[in-house]
Amino acid sequence: MDRNPSPPLPSRDEEEEEGAGGDCIGSTVYSKHWLFGVLSGLIQMVSPENTKSSSDEEEQQMELDEEMENEICRVWDMSMDEDVALFLQEFNAPDIFMGVLAKSRCPRLREICVGILGNMACFQEICVSISSDKNLGQVLLHCLYDSDPPTLLETSRLLLTCLSQTEVASVWVERIREYPAIYDSICFIMSSSTNVDLLVKIGEVVDKLFDLDEKLMLEWIRNGAVQPLDQPQEDAEEQPVFKIVPCVLEAAKQVRSENLEGLDVYMHVLQLLTTVDDGIQAIVQCPATGKDTWNLLFDLVCHEFCQSDDPPIILQEQKTVLASVYSVLSAIFASQAEQEYLKIEEVDLPLIDSLIRVLQNMEHCQKKPENSVDSNTEETKKSDLTQDDFHLKILKDISCEFLSNIFQVLTKETVAQGVKEGQLSKQKCSCAFKNLLPFYSPVIEDFLKILHEVDKTLADDLEESFPSLKVQT
């Protein structure tokens, strides 16, 4: 079934009752009696007499009756309406769904029940109520151990909704901290799932968790770093030790070609990891992990994002993911990890080319639009431009810091190669200088000294264009 059926139209009898205003849910035309019937059917499905079945009947419990599926799917659609969601809450529907999740083995039914709760949680009052129910919270978190991708997707969606509510976010963070197995489940999903929608949503959950709670992020970074001493070797083979960075990388590779927003999420997770020393070490300490991280991100910026044949405006679409990627590359670059993948002559010039192209495109994106005759449209554009400027400024700051770090380690040979191949042409150097000055003046001055030895004419031309440098060199 590609979509959930539409909510039912009221019957003639229901229409008569609705005329009296007795059967309508809030201001909707949905029938209370019909909804009672569906929920009562759910209660019957998980009642003790129906759940005690022989092994021959267990297989049937995995399937959902078509009529019941259509009915409960209608409730799923209806639950997006606040009046319906509040009515479900009043009728204690979350308790009914909790019973289904605790007892039913039917994947489709479990998915729908979590999906309805996810819709209900979009409304603040209900989200607070759901979050305050400890038993329901435990049952929902247990759904992360499920093997059914659609159920996992709906569970992740519900969790993200709750984590996005300021009033209850800390409740869910603490619950997740109480269940260490959730880390393993999430890492397993990231490292093995091919379901892009699920990977994007679980990535958003991890991103939100790390953004909300650095302590939890540190715990997850340290998980798997050292194998428990009391764990027998045979158990170690059966229970894989997950490390957060390789799992994040595997998910990023999976979503890379299909979902830019998903890739953006995983790049931001990596960026959050680099905000703490343990996170940087988790990336660079293991040579294989460091190399895998560097190669993926290097390939993204040098061969995929913001290429020479792309229109400059594409930067608006890629600005947030580029900021994260450059930030992580810069952190690895500055970590002084002496690895083969960081050989200066092999990485510096392509990165310089990429960074300067981003800065050039940024100048194009920041050109002010033509005056609008519509004042409301003008205000809207101004608001959007302010938001765009904010993200572009973050990208510019990260790019300039990274570019200055690369400039500091350039050798005479690399500069000569860059001048010859065009990565350090007058136009590109001018763009770099314009963005790096005056904050990185010492870096530019040292670079000019090397450039004087390589190409005096180019160095003199640049000094002529930037008189403040000519006096000091």
Protein backbone atom coordinates (compact mmCIF):
# COMPACT_ATOMS: atom_id res chain seq x y z
CA MET A 1 0.00 0.00 0.00
CA ASP A 2 1.62 3.23 -1.20
CA ARG A 3 -0.47 5.56 0.92
CA ASN A 4 -2.88 5.41 3.79
CA PRO A 5 -6.57 5.38 2.83
CA SER A 6 -8.51 8.61 3.22
CA PRO A 7 -10.51 9.06 6.43
CA PRO A 8 -14.07 7.66 6.17
CA LEU A 9 -16.98 9.76 5.11
CA PRO A 10 -19.81 9.81 7.68
CA SER A 11 -22.72 7.43 7.14
CA ARG A 12 -26.30 8.67 6.81
CA ASP A 13 -27.02 7.83 10.47
CA GLU A 14 -23.83 9.57 11.55
CA GLU A 15 -24.74 12.59 9.45
CA GLU A 16 -28.02 12.88 11.33
CA GLU A 17 -26.18 12.74 14.65
CA GLU A 18 -23.66 15.24 13.41
CA GLY A 19 -26.51 17.55 12.61
CA ALA A 20 -27.13 17.58 16.33
CA GLY A 21 -23.42 18.04 16.87
CA GLY A 22 -23.13 14.93 19.04
CA ASP A 23 -20.88 12.61 17.01
CA CYS A 24 -18.36 15.01 15.50
CA ILE A 25 -14.82 15.13 16.82
CA GLY A 26 -14.19 18.79 17.57
CA SER A 27 -14.76 20.92 14.49
CA THR A 28 -14.14 17.99 12.12
CA VAL A 29 -16.66 15.73 10.39
CA TYR A 30 -14.99 12.60 11.75
CA SER A 31 -17.23 10.26 13.73
CA LYS A 32 -16.60 9.52 17.41
CA HIS A 33 -18.59 6.28 17.21
CA TRP A 34 -16.58 5.03 14.26
CA LEU A 35 -13.32 5.84 16.03
CA PHE A 36 -14.52 4.10 19.21
CA GLY A 37 -15.20 1.03 17.12
CA VAL A 38 -11.73 0.94 15.62
CA LEU A 39 -10.02 1.44 18.99
CA SER A 40 -12.25 -1.23 20.55
CA GLY A 41 -11.17 -3.59 17.80
CA LEU A 42 -7.55 -2.87 18.67
CA ILE A 43 -8.21 -3.63 22.33
CA GLN A 44 -9.78 -6.95 21.34
CA MET A 45 -6.75 -7.83 19.23
CA VAL A 46 -4.39 -7.63 22.20
CA SER A 47 -6.75 -8.96 24.86
CA PRO A 48 -5.41 -11.98 26.81
CA GLU A 49 -7.79 -14.48 25.20
CA ASN A 50 -6.65 -13.42 21.73
CA THR A 51 -2.91 -13.28 22.46
CA LYS A 52 -2.70 -16.81 23.94
CA SER A 53 -2.45 -18.79 20.73
CA SER A 54 -0.88 -22.01 19.60
CA SER A 55 2.28 -22.08 17.53
CA ASP A 56 0.15 -22.83 14.44
CA GLU A 57 -1.65 -19.54 14.88
CA GLU A 58 1.44 -17.44 15.57
CA GLU A 59 2.16 -16.99 11.89
CA GLN A 60 -1.31 -15.54 11.37
CA GLN A 61 -0.61 -12.95 14.06
CA MET A 62 2.18 -11.56 11.86
CA GLU A 63 -0.41 -10.47 9.28
CA LEU A 64 -3.00 -7.73 9.65
CA ASP A 65 -6.56 -8.26 8.46
CA GLU A 66 -7.12 -6.07 5.40
CA GLU A 67 -10.28 -4.46 6.77
CA MET A 68 -8.61 -3.68 10.10
CA GLU A 69 -5.55 -2.31 8.28
CA ASN A 70 -7.73 0.05 6.25
CA GLU A 71 -9.56 1.22 9.36
CA ILE A 72 -6.47 1.83 11.48
CA CYS A 73 -4.73 3.53 8.54
CA ARG A 74 -7.65 5.95 8.40
CA VAL A 75 -7.05 6.74 12.06
CA TRP A 76 -3.38 7.32 11.17
CA ASP A 77 -4.39 9.89 8.57
CA MET A 78 -6.95 11.49 10.87
CA SER A 79 -4.47 11.83 13.73
CA MET A 80 -2.73 14.65 11.88
CA ASP A 81 -5.73 16.80 12.85
CA GLU A 82 -5.31 18.39 16.28
CA ASP A 83 -8.95 17.84 17.30
CA VAL A 84 -8.65 14.14 16.48
CA ALA A 85 -5.28 13.87 18.23
CA LEU A 86 -6.71 15.49 21.37
CA PHE A 87 -9.72 13.18 21.25
CA LEU A 88 -7.45 10.14 20.96
CA GLN A 89 -5.52 11.41 23.95
CA GLU A 90 -8.73 11.88 25.92
CA PHE A 91 -9.80 8.36 25.03
CA ASN A 92 -6.44 7.02 26.36
CA ALA A 93 -5.47 5.81 22.90
CA PRO A 94 -1.72 5.97 23.78
CA ASP A 95 -2.34 3.24 26.39
CA ILE A 96 -4.08 1.13 23.76
CA PHE A 97 -1.18 1.61 21.34
CA MET A 98 1.27 0.77 24.12
CA GLY A 99 -0.59 -2.52 24.65
CA VAL A 100 -0.39 -3.27 20.93
CA LEU A 101 3.35 -2.53 20.82
CA ALA A 102 3.99 -4.66 23.90
CA LYS A 103 2.01 -7.68 22.69
CA SER A 104 1.55 -7.67 18.91
CA ARG A 105 4.01 -9.39 16.61
CA CYS A 106 2.47 -7.86 13.47
CA PRO A 107 5.01 -5.43 11.91
CA ARG A 108 2.42 -3.43 9.97
CA LEU A 109 0.22 -2.93 13.03
CA ARG A 110 3.21 -1.87 15.12
CA GLU A 111 4.29 0.59 12.43
CA ILE A 112 0.84 2.17 12.26
CA CYS A 113 0.50 2.50 16.03
CA VAL A 114 3.89 4.23 16.35
CA GLY A 115 2.97 6.38 13.36
CA ILE A 116 -0.23 7.56 15.02
CA LEU A 117 1.66 8.37 18.21
CA GLY A 118 4.17 10.27 16.08
CA ASN A 119 1.39 12.37 14.59
CA MET A 120 -0.11 13.01 18.01
CA ALA A 121 3.28 14.06 19.41
CA CYS A 122 3.40 16.92 16.90
CA PHE A 123 1.04 18.78 19.23
CA GLN A 124 2.80 20.15 22.31
CA GLU A 125 0.23 19.26 24.97
CA ILE A 126 0.06 15.65 23.77
CA CYS A 127 3.83 15.42 23.36
CA VAL A 128 4.28 16.41 27.00
CA SER A 129 1.70 13.83 28.07
CA ILE A 130 3.25 11.02 26.01
CA SER A 131 6.75 11.93 27.23
CA SER A 132 5.72 11.93 30.88
CA ASP A 133 4.49 8.33 30.66
CA LYS A 134 7.54 6.31 31.68
CA ASN A 135 6.06 2.95 30.67
CA LEU A 136 5.10 4.21 27.22
CA GLY A 137 8.56 5.74 26.87
CA GLN A 138 10.19 2.38 27.59
CA VAL A 139 7.96 0.59 25.09
CA LEU A 140 8.70 3.17 22.39
CA LEU A 141 12.45 3.01 22.95
CA HIS A 142 12.21 -0.77 22.80
CA CYS A 143 10.86 -0.33 19.26
CA LEU A 144 14.39 0.75 18.26
CA TYR A 145 15.37 -2.91 18.65
CA ASP A 146 12.77 -3.87 16.02
CA SER A 147 13.91 -5.48 12.77
CA ASP A 148 11.14 -3.91 10.66
CA PRO A 149 12.40 -0.82 8.76
CA PRO A 150 8.99 0.95 8.54
CA THR A 151 8.50 0.56 12.31
CA LEU A 152 12.03 1.85 12.91
CA LEU A 153 11.31 4.82 10.63
CA GLU A 154 8.16 5.78 12.52
CA THR A 155 9.90 5.30 15.87
CA SER A 156 12.74 7.57 14.76
CA ARG A 157 10.25 10.17 13.55
CA LEU A 158 8.45 10.13 16.90
CA LEU A 159 11.72 10.39 18.83
CA LEU A 160 12.89 13.32 16.71
CA THR A 161 9.57 15.09 17.30
CA CYS A 162 9.90 14.68 21.07
CA LEU A 163 13.59 15.67 21.10
CA SER A 164 12.63 18.84 19.23
CA GLN A 165 10.26 19.89 22.01
CA THR A 166 12.22 21.91 24.57
CA GLU A 167 9.95 20.94 27.46
CA VAL A 168 10.54 17.19 27.11
CA ALA A 169 13.85 16.81 25.23
CA SER A 170 15.88 16.20 28.40
CA VAL A 171 13.47 13.44 29.48
CA TRP A 172 14.18 11.48 26.33
CA VAL A 173 17.93 12.11 26.47
CA GLU A 174 18.03 10.67 29.99
CA ARG A 175 15.93 7.67 28.98
CA ILE A 176 18.22 6.93 26.06
CA ARG A 177 21.22 7.21 28.38
CA GLU A 178 19.61 4.62 30.67
CA TYR A 179 19.50 2.06 27.85
CA PRO A 180 23.02 1.49 26.48
CA ALA A 181 21.67 -1.07 23.99
CA ILE A 182 20.06 1.80 22.06
CA TYR A 183 23.57 2.85 21.01
CA ASP A 184 24.17 -0.59 19.50
CA SER A 185 20.79 -0.57 17.74
CA ILE A 186 21.33 2.85 16.20
CA CYS A 187 24.89 1.97 15.14
CA PHE A 188 23.62 -1.28 13.61
CA ILE A 189 21.03 0.65 11.59
CA MET A 190 23.60 3.21 10.39
CA SER A 191 26.13 0.56 9.44
CA SER A 192 23.86 -1.98 7.76
CA SER A 193 20.60 -0.45 6.53
CA THR A 194 20.05 0.36 2.86
CA ASN A 195 16.77 2.16 3.55
CA VAL A 196 17.64 5.80 2.78
CA ASP A 197 14.55 7.25 4.48
CA LEU A 198 15.35 5.36 7.67
CA LEU A 199 19.02 6.34 7.55
CA VAL A 200 18.15 10.02 7.14
CA LYS A 201 15.70 9.97 10.05
CA ILE A 202 17.99 8.01 12.39
CA GLY A 203 20.79 10.42 11.45
CA GLU A 204 18.57 13.34 12.44
CA VAL A 205 17.95 11.67 15.79
CA VAL A 206 21.69 11.22 16.42
CA ASP A 207 22.38 14.79 15.28
CA LYS A 208 19.72 16.13 17.66
CA LEU A 209 20.98 14.00 20.56
CA PHE A 210 24.57 15.17 20.11
CA ASP A 211 23.45 18.78 19.74
CA LEU A 212 21.39 18.56 22.93
CA ASP A 213 23.79 16.69 25.18
CA GLU A 214 27.59 16.69 24.89
CA LYS A 215 27.87 14.20 27.76
CA LEU A 216 25.85 11.62 25.84
CA MET A 217 27.94 12.29 22.73
CA LEU A 218 31.13 11.64 24.72
CA GLU A 219 29.69 8.40 26.07
CA TRP A 220 28.87 7.22 22.57
CA ILE A 221 32.31 8.22 21.30
CA ARG A 222 33.91 6.13 24.03
CA ASN A 223 31.60 3.16 23.47
CA GLY A 224 33.43 0.43 21.62
CA ALA A 225 36.81 2.10 22.14
CA VAL A 226 37.77 -0.58 24.65
CA GLN A 227 36.29 -4.07 24.71
CA PRO A 228 34.95 -5.08 28.14
CA LEU A 229 37.50 -7.15 30.03
CA ASP A 230 34.90 -9.59 31.36
CA GLN A 231 33.46 -10.41 27.94
CA PRO A 232 34.41 -13.93 26.76
CA GLN A 233 36.08 -14.17 23.36
CA GLU A 234 33.27 -16.28 21.87
CA ASP A 235 30.73 -13.65 22.90
CA ALA A 236 32.91 -10.93 21.39
CA GLU A 237 32.64 -12.66 18.02
CA GLU A 238 28.85 -12.85 18.24
CA GLN A 239 28.42 -9.30 19.54
CA PRO A 240 30.15 -6.81 17.20
CA VAL A 241 31.72 -3.79 18.87
CA PHE A 242 30.32 -0.73 17.16
CA LYS A 243 32.33 2.48 16.87
CA ILE A 244 30.42 5.64 16.16
CA VAL A 245 32.62 7.14 13.41
CA PRO A 246 32.69 4.14 11.02
CA CYS A 247 28.92 3.74 11.45
CA VAL A 248 28.29 7.40 10.62
CA LEU A 249 30.58 7.13 7.58
CA GLU A 250 28.79 4.02 6.31
CA ALA A 251 25.42 5.75 6.57
CA ALA A 252 26.81 8.85 4.84
CA LYS A 253 28.07 6.75 1.93
CA GLN A 254 24.68 5.07 1.63
CA VAL A 255 22.69 8.32 1.44
CA ARG A 256 25.31 10.28 -0.51
CA SER A 257 23.95 9.86 -4.01
CA GLU A 258 20.25 9.86 -3.14
CA ASN A 259 19.64 12.46 -0.46
CA LEU A 260 21.63 15.69 -0.04
CA GLU A 261 19.75 16.57 3.14
CA GLY A 262 20.64 13.20 4.62
CA LEU A 263 24.29 13.67 3.71
CA ASP A 264 24.12 17.13 5.29
CA VAL A 265 22.83 15.56 8.52
CA TYR A 266 25.65 13.01 8.74
CA MET A 267 28.30 15.61 7.92
CA HIS A 268 26.93 17.73 10.77
CA VAL A 269 27.15 14.72 13.09
CA LEU A 270 30.83 14.42 12.18
CA GLN A 271 31.27 18.15 12.74
CA LEU A 272 29.72 17.85 16.22
CA LEU A 273 32.12 15.00 16.99
CA THR A 274 35.09 17.25 16.18
CA THR A 275 33.95 19.83 18.76
CA VAL A 276 35.48 17.63 21.48
CA ASP A 277 39.00 16.24 21.57
CA ASP A 278 37.76 12.67 22.08
CA GLY A 279 35.77 13.02 18.87
CA ILE A 280 38.78 14.16 16.85
CA GLN A 281 40.81 11.30 18.30
CA ALA A 282 38.03 8.85 17.40
CA ILE A 283 38.52 9.94 13.79
CA VAL A 284 42.31 10.19 13.51
CA GLN A 285 43.60 7.71 16.11
CA CYS A 286 42.72 4.68 13.99
CA PRO A 287 44.57 5.12 10.65
CA ALA A 288 41.88 3.25 8.71
CA THR A 289 39.06 5.38 10.12
CA GLY A 290 41.00 8.60 9.58
CA LYS A 291 41.80 7.68 6.01
CA ASP A 292 38.20 6.64 5.29
CA THR A 293 36.87 9.90 6.73
CA TRP A 294 39.39 12.07 4.89
CA ASN A 295 38.93 10.30 1.54
CA LEU A 296 35.14 10.57 1.63
CA LEU A 297 35.11 14.26 2.57
CA PHE A 298 38.01 15.15 0.26
CA ASP A 299 36.16 13.50 -2.64
CA LEU A 300 32.99 15.43 -1.82
CA VAL A 301 34.59 18.88 -1.92
CA CYS A 302 37.09 18.23 -4.72
CA HIS A 303 34.97 16.17 -7.10
CA GLU A 304 31.29 16.65 -6.26
CA PHE A 305 30.32 19.89 -4.55
CA CYS A 306 30.69 23.35 -6.07
CA GLN A 307 32.59 22.28 -9.17
CA SER A 308 33.98 24.60 -11.85
CA ASP A 309 31.15 23.78 -14.27
CA ASP A 310 28.41 24.37 -11.65
CA PRO A 311 26.52 27.67 -11.59
CA PRO A 312 27.66 29.83 -8.65
CA ILE A 313 24.15 29.86 -7.18
CA ILE A 314 24.48 26.14 -6.37
CA LEU A 315 26.37 27.28 -3.28
CA GLN A 316 23.02 28.25 -1.73
CA GLU A 317 21.94 24.61 -1.94
CA GLN A 318 25.22 23.21 -0.65
CA LYS A 319 26.33 25.83 1.88
CA THR A 320 25.46 23.96 5.08
CA VAL A 321 26.91 20.60 4.04
CA LEU A 322 30.06 22.32 2.73
CA ALA A 323 30.51 24.13 6.04
CA SER A 324 30.37 20.82 7.91
CA VAL A 325 32.70 19.03 5.50
CA TYR A 326 35.32 21.80 5.54
CA SER A 327 35.08 21.99 9.33
CA VAL A 328 35.82 18.27 9.73
CA LEU A 329 38.61 18.33 7.12
CA SER A 330 40.13 21.34 8.86
CA ALA A 331 40.01 19.58 12.24
CA ILE A 332 41.76 16.51 10.79
CA PHE A 333 44.28 18.70 8.98
CA ALA A 334 45.06 20.65 12.16
CA SER A 335 45.35 17.51 14.30
CA GLN A 336 48.91 17.00 13.06
CA ALA A 337 48.17 13.36 12.37
CA GLU A 338 51.10 12.20 10.28
CA GLN A 339 49.30 9.94 7.86
CA GLU A 340 49.81 9.16 4.19
CA TYR A 341 46.44 10.68 3.26
CA LEU A 342 47.61 14.08 4.53
CA LYS A 343 50.65 14.37 2.27
CA ILE A 344 50.93 18.09 1.53
CA GLU A 345 51.69 17.86 -2.18
CA GLU A 346 48.70 15.61 -2.83
CA VAL A 347 45.94 17.39 -0.94
CA ASP A 348 46.80 21.07 -0.60
CA LEU A 349 46.33 22.31 -4.17
CA PRO A 350 42.98 20.56 -4.79
CA LEU A 351 41.72 21.88 -1.45
CA ILE A 352 42.95 25.40 -2.22
CA ASP A 353 41.17 25.22 -5.56
CA SER A 354 37.95 24.07 -3.90
CA LEU A 355 38.06 26.65 -1.10
CA ILE A 356 38.80 29.59 -3.41
CA ARG A 357 36.02 28.53 -5.78
CA VAL A 358 33.59 28.53 -2.86
CA LEU A 359 34.74 32.01 -1.86
CA GLN A 360 34.35 33.22 -5.45
CA ASN A 361 30.84 31.80 -5.70
CA MET A 362 30.02 33.34 -2.34
CA GLU A 363 30.70 36.83 -3.74
CA HIS A 364 28.20 36.09 -6.49
CA CYS A 365 25.55 34.80 -4.04
CA GLN A 366 25.90 37.83 -1.78
CA LYS A 367 25.08 40.34 -4.51
CA LYS A 368 21.96 42.21 -3.44
CA PRO A 369 18.80 41.48 -5.44
CA GLU A 370 17.02 44.15 -7.48
CA ASN A 371 14.57 46.35 -5.58
CA SER A 372 11.11 44.82 -5.47
CA VAL A 373 7.98 46.85 -6.16
CA ASP A 374 6.05 44.71 -3.69
CA SER A 375 6.91 45.79 -0.15
CA ASN A 376 5.71 42.50 1.36
CA THR A 377 7.80 40.53 -1.09
CA GLU A 378 10.71 42.82 -0.29
CA GLU A 379 10.36 42.04 3.43
CA THR A 380 10.20 38.32 2.67
CA LYS A 381 13.32 38.54 0.51
CA LYS A 382 15.09 40.52 3.19
CA SER A 383 14.28 37.85 5.78
CA ASP A 384 15.44 35.06 3.47
CA LEU A 385 18.58 36.99 2.57
CA THR A 386 19.41 37.49 6.23
CA GLN A 387 19.11 33.74 6.82
CA ASP A 388 21.19 33.01 3.71
CA ASP A 389 23.81 35.55 4.79
CA PHE A 390 24.03 33.85 8.19
CA HIS A 391 24.79 30.42 6.70
CA LEU A 392 27.10 31.90 4.07
CA LYS A 393 29.01 33.76 6.80
CA ILE A 394 29.51 30.51 8.72
CA LEU A 395 30.78 28.86 5.53
CA LYS A 396 33.07 31.83 4.83
CA ASP A 397 34.58 31.80 8.33
CA ILE A 398 35.25 28.05 8.20
CA SER A 399 36.64 28.27 4.65
CA CYS A 400 38.99 31.15 5.52
CA GLU A 401 40.35 29.44 8.61
CA PHE A 402 40.95 26.21 6.68
CA LEU A 403 42.55 28.08 3.76
CA SER A 404 44.88 29.96 6.10
CA ASN A 405 45.95 26.69 7.74
CA ILE A 406 46.82 25.25 4.34
CA PHE A 407 48.68 28.40 3.28
CA GLN A 408 50.83 28.15 6.42
CA VAL A 409 52.28 24.78 5.42
CA LEU A 410 52.80 25.40 1.69
CA THR A 411 56.30 24.62 0.47
CA LYS A 412 58.12 26.40 -2.33
CA GLU A 413 57.64 23.35 -4.55
CA THR A 414 53.89 23.24 -3.94
CA VAL A 415 53.51 26.97 -4.60
CA ALA A 416 55.46 26.60 -7.86
CA GLN A 417 53.20 23.73 -8.89
CA GLY A 418 50.09 25.74 -7.98
CA VAL A 419 51.23 28.72 -10.04
CA LYS A 420 51.99 26.47 -12.99
CA GLU A 421 48.70 24.51 -12.83
CA GLY A 422 46.49 27.54 -12.11
CA GLN A 423 45.33 26.88 -8.55
CA LEU A 424 47.39 29.92 -7.49
CA SER A 425 46.68 32.23 -10.41
CA LYS A 426 46.49 35.99 -9.88
CA GLN A 427 42.69 35.92 -9.91
CA LYS A 428 42.49 33.12 -7.36
CA CYS A 429 45.18 34.57 -5.12
CA SER A 430 43.39 37.92 -5.21
CA CYS A 431 40.16 36.25 -4.10
CA ALA A 432 42.00 34.47 -1.28
CA PHE A 433 43.75 37.66 -0.15
CA LYS A 434 40.52 39.67 -0.23
CA ASN A 435 38.85 37.15 2.10
CA LEU A 436 41.81 36.40 4.37
CA LEU A 437 42.82 40.00 5.00
CA PRO A 438 43.17 41.61 7.46
CA PHE A 439 42.60 38.78 9.97
CA TYR A 440 45.20 36.45 8.49
CA SER A 441 47.78 39.09 7.43
CA PRO A 442 50.83 37.20 8.83
CA VAL A 443 49.84 34.09 6.85
CA ILE A 444 49.52 36.08 3.61
CA GLU A 445 52.83 37.86 4.23
CA ASP A 446 54.66 34.56 4.68
CA PHE A 447 52.99 33.16 1.56
CA LEU A 448 54.11 36.23 -0.45
CA LYS A 449 57.71 35.68 0.61
CA ILE A 450 57.61 32.22 -0.91
CA LEU A 451 55.77 33.50 -3.98
CA HIS A 452 58.52 36.11 -4.55
CA GLU A 453 61.00 33.24 -4.94
CA VAL A 454 58.70 31.35 -7.30
CA ASP A 455 57.15 34.11 -9.45
CA LYS A 456 58.31 37.65 -8.63
CA THR A 457 56.04 39.23 -11.24
CA LEU A 458 52.92 37.63 -9.76
CA ALA A 459 54.00 38.57 -6.23
CA ASP A 460 54.60 42.19 -7.29
CA ASP A 461 51.21 42.34 -9.02
CA LEU A 462 49.48 41.09 -5.90
CA GLU A 463 51.33 43.59 -3.72
CA GLU A 464 50.25 46.32 -6.09
CA SER A 465 46.62 45.21 -5.68
CA PHE A 466 46.95 45.01 -1.87
CA PRO A 467 49.10 48.01 -0.83
CA SER A 468 48.91 47.18 2.89
CA LEU A 469 51.03 44.11 2.19
CA LYS A 470 53.64 45.92 0.10
CA VAL A 471 54.70 48.09 3.00
CA GLN A 472 55.21 45.14 5.33
CA THR A 473 57.07 42.74 3.03
